[in-house]
Amino acid sequence: MLPTTSVNSRSQGNGVLSPRDAARHTAGAKRYKYLRRLFHFRQMDFEFALWQMLYLFTSPQRVYRNFHYRKQTKDQWARDDPAFLVLLSIWLCVSTVGFGFVLDMGFFETIKLLLWVVFIDCVGVGLLIATLMWFISNKYLVKQQNRDYDVEWGYAFDVHLNAFYPLLVILHFIQLFFINYVIISDSVIGYLVGNTLWLIAIGYYIYVTFLGYSALPFLKNTAILLYPFALLIMLYLISLACGWNFTKMLCSFYKYRVK
């Protein structure tokens, strides 16, 4: 299933890319190829994208192992197939409609919520986080002896999408079954269950993000990306002690945004 062969035809005899091949490997050329495939569903490998989504829960290291193979065969770390993004968008739509149903929202309120979740929660926050991580990793984490290498912005965005998917499933799908009957109640068990799901979801995001950057051989000290775990656990314990209900706060925020 995973490609393992390398491509040698892209280099000349001295190992330097020819002008024609170099043009094909520019950021603009890669972006154009990616966006062009976005409108050709027959060219997308949805089966492999589903495989990635499954292993992001069970063995995310295997997902990033494929990024290594892509670098060897296509000379880029970032995805060149938008199938994962398309399936993630479908997940966003379905789960958000479910969220609107659980919160007893009308049709237009659900549409407003969908637009907010897609363009703000996923894309907007994703662009911000990807740009921030792209800057930090290239500025502070690249090894001195490998200054010829850098983290692709597209790869930083892919890492965000990989980490966002488990968070989406936990908070926008699994949590739906407990919101009305357990989580938003005023009982201790309500905010215990809700906040624990938040702990697991954000913990997944941090861990999958760490795996994404630690998979790059030219980065150093990537273990610092796990440091937010300490803050996350501390915030979780404080929330239990103070009776904060993160899910209830999120539901109130969503209802306020769609008014």
Protein backbone atom coordinates (compact mmCIF):
# COMPACT_ATOMS: atom_id res chain seq x y z
CA MET A 1 0.00 0.00 0.00
CA LEU A 2 2.85 2.37 0.79
CA PRO A 3 5.26 3.49 -1.95
CA THR A 4 8.87 2.59 -1.26
CA THR A 5 10.73 3.30 -4.48
CA SER A 6 12.74 6.45 -5.02
CA VAL A 7 12.72 8.66 -8.06
CA ASN A 8 16.14 9.38 -9.55
CA SER A 9 15.07 10.84 -12.87
CA ARG A 10 14.48 14.28 -11.35
CA SER A 11 18.23 14.90 -10.89
CA GLN A 12 21.00 15.39 -13.37
CA GLY A 13 24.23 13.45 -13.19
CA ASN A 14 25.63 15.67 -10.43
CA GLY A 15 22.49 15.29 -8.26
CA VAL A 16 21.22 18.80 -9.03
CA LEU A 17 17.66 19.29 -10.27
CA SER A 18 17.37 20.32 -13.89
CA PRO A 19 15.70 23.72 -14.47
CA ARG A 20 12.55 21.99 -15.76
CA ASP A 21 12.30 19.66 -12.75
CA ALA A 22 13.19 22.45 -10.33
CA ALA A 23 10.23 24.45 -11.61
CA ARG A 24 7.97 21.49 -10.93
CA HIS A 25 9.13 21.39 -7.30
CA THR A 26 8.51 25.02 -6.40
CA ALA A 27 5.90 25.82 -3.76
CA GLY A 28 3.69 27.46 -6.37
CA ALA A 29 3.80 24.43 -8.65
CA LYS A 30 2.97 22.06 -5.80
CA ARG A 31 0.10 24.29 -4.69
CA TYR A 32 -1.29 24.49 -8.23
CA LYS A 33 -1.14 20.71 -8.63
CA TYR A 34 -2.90 20.21 -5.28
CA LEU A 35 -5.70 22.67 -6.05
CA ARG A 36 -6.16 21.28 -9.55
CA ARG A 37 -6.67 17.77 -8.18
CA LEU A 38 -9.26 19.17 -5.76
CA PHE A 39 -11.72 19.33 -8.69
CA HIS A 40 -10.94 15.87 -10.06
CA PHE A 41 -12.42 13.31 -7.68
CA ARG A 42 -11.33 10.37 -9.81
CA GLN A 43 -7.70 11.32 -9.23
CA MET A 44 -8.08 11.24 -5.43
CA ASP A 45 -7.22 8.18 -3.38
CA PHE A 46 -10.09 8.15 -0.87
CA GLU A 47 -9.31 4.60 0.24
CA PHE A 48 -5.84 5.64 1.36
CA ALA A 49 -7.23 8.78 3.04
CA LEU A 50 -9.63 6.57 5.03
CA TRP A 51 -6.66 4.38 5.97
CA GLN A 52 -4.90 7.47 7.33
CA MET A 53 -7.95 8.53 9.33
CA LEU A 54 -8.17 5.09 10.93
CA TYR A 55 -4.49 5.00 11.86
CA LEU A 56 -4.51 8.52 13.26
CA PHE A 57 -6.42 6.92 16.14
CA THR A 58 -4.68 3.55 16.38
CA SER A 59 -1.11 4.15 15.17
CA PRO A 60 -0.39 7.74 14.00
CA GLN A 61 3.31 6.90 13.58
CA ARG A 62 2.39 4.82 10.52
CA VAL A 63 0.70 7.85 8.95
CA TYR A 64 3.84 9.93 9.26
CA ARG A 65 5.92 7.05 7.95
CA ASN A 66 4.05 7.55 4.68
CA PHE A 67 5.16 11.19 4.63
CA HIS A 68 8.74 9.87 4.56
CA TYR A 69 7.90 7.74 1.53
CA ARG A 70 6.33 10.75 -0.20
CA LYS A 71 9.51 12.76 0.36
CA GLN A 72 11.56 9.95 -1.19
CA THR A 73 9.32 9.50 -4.21
CA LYS A 74 7.91 12.97 -4.88
CA ASP A 75 10.43 15.25 -3.14
CA GLN A 76 7.89 16.86 -0.84
CA TRP A 77 6.69 16.26 2.70
CA ALA A 78 3.21 17.74 2.29
CA ARG A 79 0.29 15.83 0.81
CA ASP A 80 -0.21 16.13 -2.93
CA ASP A 81 -3.64 14.46 -2.78
CA PRO A 82 -6.55 16.51 -1.35
CA ALA A 83 -8.63 13.39 -0.59
CA PHE A 84 -7.94 13.69 3.16
CA LEU A 85 -9.10 17.32 3.16
CA VAL A 86 -12.28 16.40 1.28
CA LEU A 87 -13.17 13.61 3.71
CA LEU A 88 -12.39 15.87 6.67
CA SER A 89 -14.74 18.49 5.23
CA ILE A 90 -17.49 15.88 4.96
CA TRP A 91 -16.87 14.88 8.57
CA LEU A 92 -17.13 18.54 9.58
CA CYS A 93 -20.45 18.98 7.80
CA VAL A 94 -22.02 15.80 9.17
CA SER A 95 -20.84 16.32 12.75
CA THR A 96 -21.86 19.99 12.76
CA VAL A 97 -25.36 19.12 11.53
CA GLY A 98 -25.50 16.60 14.35
CA PHE A 99 -24.37 19.28 16.79
CA GLY A 100 -27.10 21.60 15.55
CA PHE A 101 -29.69 18.86 15.96
CA VAL A 102 -28.58 18.07 19.52
CA LEU A 103 -28.67 21.76 20.45
CA ASP A 104 -32.13 22.09 18.86
CA MET A 105 -31.04 24.70 16.29
CA GLY A 106 -33.08 25.67 13.26
CA PHE A 107 -31.99 25.23 9.65
CA PHE A 108 -30.39 28.66 9.21
CA GLU A 109 -28.80 28.52 12.66
CA THR A 110 -27.22 25.18 11.74
CA ILE A 111 -25.91 26.67 8.47
CA LYS A 112 -24.37 29.56 10.41
CA LEU A 113 -22.79 27.09 12.83
CA LEU A 114 -21.44 25.04 9.92
CA LEU A 115 -19.83 28.10 8.33
CA TRP A 116 -18.30 29.07 11.67
CA VAL A 117 -16.89 25.60 12.34
CA VAL A 118 -15.46 25.19 8.82
CA PHE A 119 -14.01 28.64 8.21
CA ILE A 120 -13.08 29.68 11.76
CA ASP A 121 -12.55 26.59 13.92
CA CYS A 122 -10.89 24.46 11.24
CA VAL A 123 -9.49 26.63 8.44
CA GLY A 124 -8.93 29.94 10.25
CA VAL A 125 -7.41 28.49 13.40
CA GLY A 126 -5.57 25.94 11.27
CA LEU A 127 -3.92 28.62 9.13
CA LEU A 128 -2.88 30.49 12.27
CA ILE A 129 -1.47 27.42 14.03
CA ALA A 130 0.24 26.10 10.88
CA THR A 131 1.89 29.46 10.21
CA LEU A 132 3.01 29.77 13.83
CA MET A 133 4.44 26.24 13.92
CA TRP A 134 6.05 26.71 10.51
CA PHE A 135 7.81 29.83 11.79
CA ILE A 136 8.85 28.34 15.14
CA SER A 137 10.12 25.08 13.67
CA ASN A 138 12.16 26.78 10.95
CA LYS A 139 13.44 29.46 13.32
CA TYR A 140 14.32 27.41 16.39
CA LEU A 141 14.10 23.66 15.70
CA VAL A 142 16.12 23.16 12.50
CA LYS A 143 19.52 21.63 13.19
CA GLN A 144 22.44 23.97 12.53
CA GLN A 145 24.14 21.50 10.21
CA ASN A 146 20.98 21.18 8.10
CA ARG A 147 20.25 24.78 7.22
CA ASP A 148 19.57 23.70 3.64
CA TYR A 149 16.38 22.02 4.87
CA ASP A 150 13.21 23.70 6.03
CA VAL A 151 9.70 22.76 7.09
CA GLU A 152 7.20 23.19 4.28
CA TRP A 153 4.20 25.32 5.19
CA GLY A 154 1.97 22.76 3.49
CA TYR A 155 3.39 20.07 5.76
CA ALA A 156 2.70 22.23 8.83
CA PHE A 157 -0.92 22.56 7.69
CA ASP A 158 -1.12 18.79 7.09
CA VAL A 159 0.09 18.19 10.65
CA HIS A 160 -2.71 20.45 11.90
CA LEU A 161 -5.30 18.55 9.84
CA ASN A 162 -3.97 15.22 11.13
CA ALA A 163 -4.20 16.43 14.73
CA PHE A 164 -7.56 18.13 14.22
CA TYR A 165 -9.31 15.01 12.92
CA PRO A 166 -9.23 12.98 16.20
CA LEU A 167 -10.22 16.13 18.12
CA LEU A 168 -13.16 16.62 15.75
CA VAL A 169 -14.38 13.04 16.13
CA ILE A 170 -14.17 13.14 19.92
CA LEU A 171 -15.73 16.56 20.51
CA HIS A 172 -18.14 16.78 17.55
CA PHE A 173 -19.23 13.16 17.26
CA ILE A 174 -18.62 10.97 20.32
CA GLN A 175 -19.56 13.80 22.67
CA LEU A 176 -22.94 14.28 20.95
CA PHE A 177 -24.28 11.10 22.54
CA PHE A 178 -23.70 12.46 26.04
CA ILE A 179 -24.45 16.19 25.80
CA ASN A 180 -28.16 16.40 26.56
CA TYR A 181 -28.42 13.54 29.01
CA VAL A 182 -25.11 13.73 30.88
CA ILE A 183 -22.65 16.51 30.10
CA ILE A 184 -24.70 19.71 30.27
CA SER A 185 -26.42 18.68 33.47
CA ASP A 186 -25.43 20.45 36.67
CA SER A 187 -24.12 17.26 38.25
CA VAL A 188 -20.49 16.45 38.98
CA ILE A 189 -20.60 13.54 36.55
CA GLY A 190 -21.61 15.98 33.81
CA TYR A 191 -18.51 18.15 33.81
CA LEU A 192 -16.34 15.15 34.72
CA VAL A 193 -17.35 13.30 31.54
CA GLY A 194 -17.30 16.44 29.37
CA ASN A 195 -13.96 17.77 30.58
CA THR A 196 -12.39 14.31 30.32
CA LEU A 197 -13.40 14.16 26.65
CA TRP A 198 -11.79 17.57 26.18
CA LEU A 199 -8.64 16.31 27.89
CA ILE A 200 -8.46 13.30 25.58
CA ALA A 201 -9.21 15.34 22.44
CA ILE A 202 -6.67 18.10 23.08
CA GLY A 203 -4.17 15.50 24.30
CA TYR A 204 -4.54 13.72 20.96
CA TYR A 205 -3.98 17.02 19.16
CA ILE A 206 -0.76 17.71 21.07
CA TYR A 207 0.57 14.17 20.61
CA VAL A 208 -0.19 13.90 16.89
CA THR A 209 1.36 17.35 16.36
CA PHE A 210 4.49 16.23 18.21
CA LEU A 211 4.72 13.10 16.04
CA GLY A 212 4.42 15.21 12.91
CA TYR A 213 7.42 17.39 13.69
CA SER A 214 9.50 14.65 15.33
CA ALA A 215 9.15 12.69 12.07
CA LEU A 216 11.30 15.29 10.29
CA PRO A 217 14.94 14.16 10.58
CA PHE A 218 16.36 17.67 10.31
CA LEU A 219 14.55 19.02 13.40
CA LYS A 220 15.88 18.94 16.96
CA ASN A 221 14.38 19.27 20.44
CA THR A 222 10.89 18.40 19.21
CA ALA A 223 10.10 17.02 22.67
CA ILE A 224 9.28 20.58 23.76
CA LEU A 225 6.06 20.22 21.75
CA LEU A 226 4.87 17.85 24.48
CA TYR A 227 5.28 20.48 27.22
CA PRO A 228 1.68 21.77 26.81
CA PHE A 229 0.58 18.44 28.30
CA ALA A 230 1.55 19.74 31.74
CA LEU A 231 -0.56 22.87 31.29
CA LEU A 232 -3.44 20.80 29.90
CA ILE A 233 -3.51 18.44 32.89
CA MET A 234 -3.25 21.37 35.30
CA LEU A 235 -6.16 23.13 33.62
CA TYR A 236 -8.16 19.89 33.69
CA LEU A 237 -7.67 19.47 37.44
CA ILE A 238 -8.52 23.12 38.10
CA SER A 239 -11.70 22.78 36.03
CA LEU A 240 -12.82 19.80 38.08
CA ALA A 241 -12.08 21.60 41.33
CA CYS A 242 -13.96 24.74 40.23
CA GLY A 243 -16.83 22.93 38.50
CA TRP A 244 -16.16 24.41 35.06
CA ASN A 245 -17.99 22.63 32.25
CA PHE A 246 -16.13 23.24 28.99
CA THR A 247 -18.79 21.58 26.84
CA LYS A 248 -21.56 23.65 28.39
CA MET A 249 -19.49 26.77 27.72
CA LEU A 250 -18.96 25.67 24.09
CA CYS A 251 -22.68 25.05 23.57
CA SER A 252 -23.53 28.49 25.00
CA PHE A 253 -20.90 30.06 22.74
CA TYR A 254 -22.25 28.30 19.63
CA LYS A 255 -25.82 29.39 20.44
CA TYR A 256 -24.60 32.97 20.90
CA ARG A 257 -22.71 32.93 17.57
CA VAL A 258 -25.68 31.77 15.50
CA LYS A 259 -28.17 34.35 16.83
